[in-house]
Amino acid sequence: MDQKPDLQSIKALNNTLLKGLSDQQIEQVRDIMQLIKVDKGDMIIKEGDVSDEVYIIQNGEVDVIKKEHDSGEHYHLATLPAGESIGEVSLLDEEPRSASVIAATASTLLKISMQDLNRIASETDSAASRIKVNFAREMGKRLRKTNETTVTSLHIQLEEARARVAMGTVICWLLVGICCYVLALQSISLLGDAAASTTIISVSILFVFGAMTLAAAIRSGYPLSFYGLTTKNWPKISAEAIIFSLPLIVLIAFAKWMLILFHPKMTDSSLLDWSQNLDITRLELLGDILLYAVFTPVQEFIARGGVQSSFQSFLTNRFKNLQAILIANLMFSMTHIHLSTAFAIMVFIPGLFWGWMYHRHKTLVGVCVSHILIGLAAYYMIGFQAMF
């Protein structure tokens, strides 16, 4: 024989479902109740199951758990104490369970079957009662939708929080690395008179900084594709980078032409005169081009993949992408200031274009192709170093 709770203990629960019922009506409900006991961790209701039972918690506590369908993660929605009811939403809309319920402690529950409840219902329901039932079912549907929206929102907030923590770590390492990078380059410039060439040292520092950025990216837990290290759609992106770079090369040539026309110190310069400004052999020229093609991707990985990607994920306002591009580009320009202030300002302009291109495709391929093309054309064809 099923155990039955006594009338006074039921009334003492002050449960919302039983509110307003007379002693006689509560006695009717008591007759169809089953008293069940569960241990901590027991599954009382499983999300997705079809059932017509509602439970009233007589003592103990239960946890309401909701699964986010896209990620498969489970979220804790609430902990319900004695006196609360669970499972009533499925009674209203006759849909599968919208959430799971697990015993948080050893608990005693009062189980009511909808089939038994319908059996003791009045055969002459009033219109008002029927309207209330229909309204309750509609509210059940809305509650089910609210649960789905809440879990989706929790999932998004959790992902944003994880991203901010990971990107915050990467940004901290990048700031430390950039400070060390600039200080090291400044030290190299002070030793310029004592050293025949500082190129090897400066490139070595750049690669060390690139390795630090890569290590920070790996430790963040995000895939390297998040930092632009992907070759997806590289033929199309490379072709677009070449086409988009041509106007910038023309703009650089136009800027030099304007200086030739109006700057007294450049009146004798030619528009295309790299051979007059560089006293190097063809072999040295080839070596410079290869070196430039190697360290340019490292530069862009630090500026776009490390700095820009991190700030795009770390910031939350509506202009975060623009801010990320500006911040990354300021840092990119700053790392050139040891050459000259004018040079640092000059590289800021194409840097904005490369930042936009990186945001557009989320890969370093097009950015590196454009950077190498514009850099080589500006330095070795146009000879823009004569402008400084």
Foldseek 3Di string as FASTA:
>chain_A
DFDFDDLVLLVVLVAPVCPPPDSVVSVLQRVQKGKDKDAAFDWPAAFQAQFQKKKAWSAAKKWWWAAQVPVRDIDTDDIDGHSYMPDVLCNQQVGTHLTIIGGNHTTMMIMHGPVSVVVPDDPDDDPVRVVVSNVSSVVSVVVSVVVNVVVVVVVVVVVLVLLQVLLVQLVVLLVVLLVVLQVVLLVVLVCPVVDVDCVVVNLVSLVVSLVSSVVSVVVSVDDLLLLQADCPPLVVLQVVLVVVLVVVLVVLLVVLVVCCVPPPVNVPPDQWPLVVVDPDDPVVVVVVLVSCLVSLLSLCSSLQSRQLSSQLSNDDDPCSNVVSLLVSLLSSLSSCCSVPNVSSVVSSVVSSVLSVSCVVPSHCSSSSSSCSVSVCCSCRTRNCVSVD
